[in-house]
Amino acid sequence: MQIIETGRIYRHTSEEIIEKSYKMILLQQGSEQEIFDLQTIVYEAQDDPQKFVPDPIESFRDVMLVEGKGFSIGVFVEEELVAVRTVSFPGDGTDNLGREIGLTSKEALEKTAILEATMVRPDYRGNALQKRMLVPTMELIKNHRCCYVLCTISPFNYPSLSSVMHAGLYIRNLRMRTGVYGGKLRFLLAENICRDKKMIWKDSVAIKNTEIKKQQLLMEKGYMGYHLVEIPEEPDQFMIYYGKSEVSF
């Protein structure tokens, strides 16, 4: 068992807040049922089914727990899995999201990593576990010699967007997705972690996350989303800053 870090977090119940010890580990094959059970808890607790698309248990067993195909990081409290981050390496397969940002060569596609799902049990939310798990996740992706990191996220899911954009990913497109997504709206976010230069933004404009068409039109013109600002008085609504970059992706 590879322990990534240990520490203290808080469990929130209806009656009290309890401090707990946790350990973050790289999950091994055979953990698929634990991940699937956590996914069921998270899915059933969703206030908006548009925000989350569950994966079949086979995805965990055959991809995200198999060395070379993906990996999963889990957070345990008293031997219970309370949070997980899953990643896949799609290679040059037809489902590689890299094609949507212009990656066409076999070499580039094989350097792609997909941030699949992040799940945190409801009673352990508020501990920044999404962001905590992303730090070792990005390091493991680099160790796998990947350059391109991509993911899809609901335009109404501020916590997930905030965590991956904090890690350096940018919004590249927004569209209805079929297949496992069932026609749900999703942002595609991406970043080239091998690029030396930082992105420099110009022509910036702020748009509400609910203004779907305006965002789509901007991205058709080469804009990327790079910064979020919450609107405290409007739940599930926030501002997204879009701009054009003077540095190529």
Protein backbone atom coordinates (compact mmCIF):
# COMPACT_ATOMS: atom_id res chain seq x y z
CA MET A 1 0.00 0.00 0.00
CA GLN A 2 1.48 3.34 -1.12
CA ILE A 3 0.57 6.05 1.39
CA ILE A 4 0.63 9.51 -0.22
CA GLU A 5 -0.14 11.61 2.85
CA THR A 6 -1.79 11.57 6.25
CA GLY A 7 -3.48 14.27 8.27
CA ARG A 8 -6.64 15.46 10.01
CA ILE A 9 -10.02 16.34 8.50
CA TYR A 10 -13.53 16.95 9.82
CA ARG A 11 -16.65 14.85 9.57
CA HIS A 12 -19.86 16.90 9.55
CA THR A 13 -22.98 15.29 11.02
CA SER A 14 -26.38 16.79 11.80
CA GLU A 15 -25.37 17.06 15.46
CA GLU A 16 -21.64 17.76 15.57
CA ILE A 17 -18.34 18.22 13.77
CA ILE A 18 -15.80 15.50 14.56
CA GLU A 19 -12.07 15.67 13.85
CA LYS A 20 -10.72 12.51 12.23
CA SER A 21 -7.38 11.14 11.07
CA TYR A 22 -7.13 10.26 7.38
CA LYS A 23 -4.68 8.64 5.01
CA MET A 24 -4.50 9.21 1.27
CA ILE A 25 -3.29 6.21 -0.72
CA LEU A 26 -2.83 4.98 -4.27
CA LEU A 27 -5.58 2.39 -4.68
CA GLN A 28 -4.80 -1.12 -5.88
CA GLN A 29 -6.67 -3.55 -8.11
CA GLY A 30 -9.50 -5.10 -6.17
CA SER A 31 -10.73 -1.74 -4.84
CA GLU A 32 -13.45 -1.38 -7.46
CA GLN A 33 -16.32 -2.35 -5.14
CA GLU A 34 -15.30 0.24 -2.55
CA ILE A 35 -15.16 2.94 -5.23
CA PHE A 36 -18.50 1.83 -6.68
CA ASP A 37 -20.16 1.86 -3.24
CA LEU A 38 -18.86 5.39 -2.58
CA GLN A 39 -20.11 6.46 -6.00
CA THR A 40 -23.60 5.19 -5.12
CA ILE A 41 -23.63 7.25 -1.90
CA VAL A 42 -22.44 10.38 -3.73
CA TYR A 43 -24.88 9.94 -6.61
CA GLU A 44 -27.88 9.42 -4.34
CA ALA A 45 -26.97 12.58 -2.39
CA GLN A 46 -26.86 14.80 -5.50
CA ASP A 47 -29.20 17.79 -5.47
CA ASP A 48 -28.95 18.04 -9.26
CA PRO A 49 -28.58 14.86 -11.38
CA GLN A 50 -27.15 16.99 -14.20
CA LYS A 51 -23.92 17.46 -12.25
CA PHE A 52 -22.81 13.84 -11.95
CA VAL A 53 -22.66 10.85 -14.30
CA PRO A 54 -21.85 7.55 -12.54
CA ASP A 55 -19.39 5.08 -14.05
CA PRO A 56 -20.00 1.32 -14.33
CA ILE A 57 -17.96 -0.81 -11.95
CA GLU A 58 -16.11 -2.24 -14.97
CA SER A 59 -14.55 1.18 -15.63
CA PHE A 60 -12.87 1.09 -12.23
CA ARG A 61 -11.89 -2.59 -12.45
CA ASP A 62 -10.62 -2.63 -16.05
CA VAL A 63 -9.21 0.90 -16.49
CA MET A 64 -8.80 3.16 -13.48
CA LEU A 65 -7.17 0.54 -11.27
CA VAL A 66 -4.95 -1.00 -13.96
CA GLU A 67 -1.34 0.15 -14.22
CA GLY A 68 -0.72 1.79 -17.59
CA LYS A 69 -4.44 2.37 -18.20
CA GLY A 70 -5.17 4.65 -15.27
CA PHE A 71 -4.96 5.08 -11.51
CA SER A 72 -7.11 6.05 -8.54
CA ILE A 73 -6.30 7.93 -5.34
CA GLY A 74 -8.42 7.31 -2.25
CA VAL A 75 -8.87 8.97 1.14
CA PHE A 76 -9.60 6.63 4.05
CA VAL A 77 -10.94 7.37 7.52
CA GLU A 78 -10.96 4.41 9.91
CA GLU A 79 -10.55 2.05 6.94
CA GLU A 80 -13.58 3.52 5.15
CA LEU A 81 -13.16 5.10 1.70
CA VAL A 82 -14.56 8.64 1.97
CA ALA A 83 -13.13 10.26 -1.18
CA VAL A 84 -11.60 9.19 -4.48
CA ARG A 85 -10.08 10.70 -7.63
CA THR A 86 -9.90 8.53 -10.76
CA VAL A 87 -7.73 9.03 -13.86
CA SER A 88 -7.46 7.24 -17.20
CA PHE A 89 -4.87 7.15 -19.97
CA PRO A 90 -6.89 6.70 -23.19
CA GLY A 91 -3.93 6.39 -25.57
CA ASP A 92 -4.88 6.91 -29.20
CA GLY A 93 -8.33 5.37 -28.72
CA THR A 94 -11.42 6.88 -30.31
CA ASP A 95 -12.66 8.17 -26.95
CA ASN A 96 -9.60 10.38 -26.36
CA LEU A 97 -10.86 13.90 -25.61
CA GLY A 98 -7.59 15.34 -26.90
CA ARG A 99 -8.93 15.29 -30.43
CA GLU A 100 -11.37 18.05 -29.43
CA ILE A 101 -8.48 20.43 -28.72
CA GLY A 102 -6.56 19.61 -31.89
CA LEU A 103 -4.39 16.68 -30.81
CA THR A 104 -4.13 14.41 -33.83
CA SER A 105 -0.80 12.58 -33.75
CA LYS A 106 -0.44 9.20 -32.05
CA GLU A 107 2.44 10.63 -30.00
CA ALA A 108 0.34 13.50 -28.62
CA LEU A 109 -2.70 11.33 -27.93
CA GLU A 110 -0.58 8.84 -26.00
CA LYS A 111 0.58 11.68 -23.75
CA THR A 112 -2.98 12.44 -22.67
CA ALA A 113 -4.50 11.90 -19.22
CA ILE A 114 -8.20 12.25 -18.42
CA LEU A 115 -9.37 13.35 -14.97
CA GLU A 116 -12.40 11.09 -14.71
CA ALA A 117 -14.34 11.44 -11.46
CA THR A 118 -13.89 13.02 -8.05
CA MET A 119 -16.18 11.78 -5.32
CA VAL A 120 -16.37 12.96 -1.71
CA ARG A 121 -18.79 11.46 0.80
CA PRO A 122 -21.28 14.16 1.86
CA ASP A 123 -20.26 14.13 5.53
CA TYR A 124 -16.63 14.88 4.57
CA ARG A 125 -17.28 17.80 2.23
CA GLY A 126 -15.78 21.13 3.25
CA ASN A 127 -12.28 19.68 3.74
CA ALA A 128 -10.99 20.71 0.27
CA LEU A 129 -10.43 17.04 -0.53
CA GLN A 130 -10.90 17.60 -4.26
CA LYS A 131 -7.98 20.04 -4.30
CA ARG A 132 -5.91 17.95 -1.89
CA MET A 133 -6.19 14.88 -4.11
CA LEU A 134 -5.36 16.86 -7.25
CA VAL A 135 -1.84 17.72 -6.07
CA PRO A 136 -0.53 14.10 -6.04
CA THR A 137 -2.76 13.32 -9.03
CA MET A 138 -0.94 15.86 -11.20
CA GLU A 139 2.43 14.56 -9.99
CA LEU A 140 1.51 10.99 -10.90
CA ILE A 141 0.34 12.18 -14.33
CA LYS A 142 3.72 13.88 -14.87
CA ASN A 143 5.49 10.70 -13.78
CA HIS A 144 3.53 8.88 -16.46
CA ARG A 145 5.14 11.29 -18.98
CA CYS A 146 1.84 12.83 -20.00
CA CYS A 147 1.64 16.43 -21.22
CA TYR A 148 -2.07 16.95 -21.84
CA VAL A 149 -4.60 16.80 -19.00
CA LEU A 150 -8.31 16.99 -19.82
CA CYS A 151 -11.66 16.57 -18.10
CA THR A 152 -15.37 17.27 -18.51
CA ILE A 153 -17.41 19.07 -15.83
CA SER A 154 -20.97 20.37 -15.55
CA PRO A 155 -21.19 24.16 -16.04
CA PHE A 156 -23.19 24.24 -12.78
CA ASN A 157 -20.63 22.39 -10.63
CA TYR A 158 -18.61 25.18 -9.03
CA PRO A 159 -16.58 23.04 -6.57
CA SER A 160 -15.25 20.70 -9.27
CA LEU A 161 -14.57 23.53 -11.71
CA SER A 162 -12.78 25.51 -9.03
CA SER A 163 -10.51 22.62 -8.06
CA VAL A 164 -9.36 21.72 -11.59
CA MET A 165 -8.95 25.35 -12.68
CA HIS A 166 -6.91 25.95 -9.53
CA ALA A 167 -4.68 23.12 -10.80
CA GLY A 168 -4.20 25.00 -14.08
CA LEU A 169 -6.82 23.67 -16.51
CA TYR A 170 -8.73 26.02 -18.81
CA ILE A 171 -12.23 25.80 -20.28
CA ARG A 172 -11.99 24.96 -23.98
CA ASN A 173 -15.53 24.11 -25.11
CA LEU A 174 -19.11 23.64 -23.91
CA ARG A 175 -21.62 21.31 -25.52
CA MET A 176 -24.25 18.64 -25.00
CA ARG A 177 -22.58 15.24 -24.75
CA THR A 178 -24.19 11.97 -25.72
CA GLY A 179 -23.28 8.40 -24.78
CA VAL A 180 -22.70 7.91 -21.06
CA TYR A 181 -23.48 11.61 -20.50
CA GLY A 182 -27.07 11.18 -21.66
CA GLY A 183 -27.28 14.55 -23.41
CA LYS A 184 -25.94 16.57 -20.47
CA LEU A 185 -24.09 19.88 -20.87
CA ARG A 186 -20.40 19.67 -20.13
CA PHE A 187 -17.38 21.95 -20.23
CA LEU A 188 -14.21 20.46 -21.66
CA LEU A 189 -11.17 21.68 -19.74
CA ALA A 190 -7.58 21.09 -20.74
CA GLU A 191 -3.98 22.09 -20.07
CA ASN A 192 -0.54 21.32 -21.47
CA ILE A 193 1.52 20.71 -18.33
CA CYS A 194 4.71 20.41 -20.41
CA ARG A 195 4.47 23.98 -21.70
CA ASP A 196 7.21 26.23 -20.30
CA LYS A 197 5.51 29.60 -20.73
CA LYS A 198 2.54 30.79 -18.67
CA MET A 199 -0.67 31.77 -20.42
CA ILE A 200 -1.04 35.55 -20.87
CA TRP A 201 -4.63 36.76 -21.26
CA LYS A 202 -6.05 39.65 -23.27
CA ASP A 203 -9.52 40.85 -24.35
CA SER A 204 -10.98 39.45 -21.12
CA VAL A 205 -14.73 39.31 -20.60
CA ALA A 206 -16.79 37.96 -17.66
CA ILE A 207 -19.92 35.87 -18.30
CA LYS A 208 -22.31 34.02 -15.99
CA ASN A 209 -22.00 30.25 -16.12
CA THR A 210 -25.71 30.05 -17.02
CA GLU A 211 -25.24 32.04 -20.24
CA ILE A 212 -24.55 29.00 -22.36
CA LYS A 213 -24.80 30.44 -25.87
CA LYS A 214 -22.59 33.45 -25.10
CA GLN A 215 -19.86 31.16 -23.79
CA GLN A 216 -20.09 28.88 -26.80
CA LEU A 217 -19.80 31.83 -29.19
CA LEU A 218 -16.72 33.14 -27.37
CA MET A 219 -14.98 29.78 -27.49
CA GLU A 220 -15.72 29.49 -31.20
CA LYS A 221 -13.68 32.70 -31.52
CA GLY A 222 -10.71 31.23 -29.66
CA TYR A 223 -11.47 32.36 -26.11
CA MET A 224 -10.73 30.15 -23.10
CA GLY A 225 -12.18 30.27 -19.59
CA TYR A 226 -9.44 30.90 -17.05
CA HIS A 227 -10.93 32.30 -13.80
CA LEU A 228 -14.04 31.87 -11.63
CA VAL A 229 -15.73 34.29 -9.24
CA GLU A 230 -18.56 33.15 -6.96
CA ILE A 231 -21.84 35.05 -6.67
CA PRO A 232 -22.73 34.41 -2.99
CA GLU A 233 -26.36 35.51 -3.27
CA GLU A 234 -27.03 33.29 -6.30
CA PRO A 235 -26.51 29.56 -5.64
CA ASP A 236 -25.13 27.56 -8.59
CA GLN A 237 -24.31 30.79 -10.44
CA PHE A 238 -20.86 32.30 -10.80
CA MET A 239 -18.86 34.45 -13.18
CA ILE A 240 -16.34 32.96 -15.59
CA TYR A 241 -13.60 35.12 -17.05
CA TYR A 242 -12.76 34.33 -20.67
CA GLY A 243 -9.80 35.62 -22.62
CA LYS A 244 -7.51 35.02 -25.57
CA SER A 245 -4.00 33.80 -24.88
CA GLU A 246 -0.83 35.27 -26.32
CA VAL A 247 0.88 31.95 -25.62
CA SER A 248 -0.10 28.95 -27.75
CA PHE A 249 -1.63 25.97 -25.99
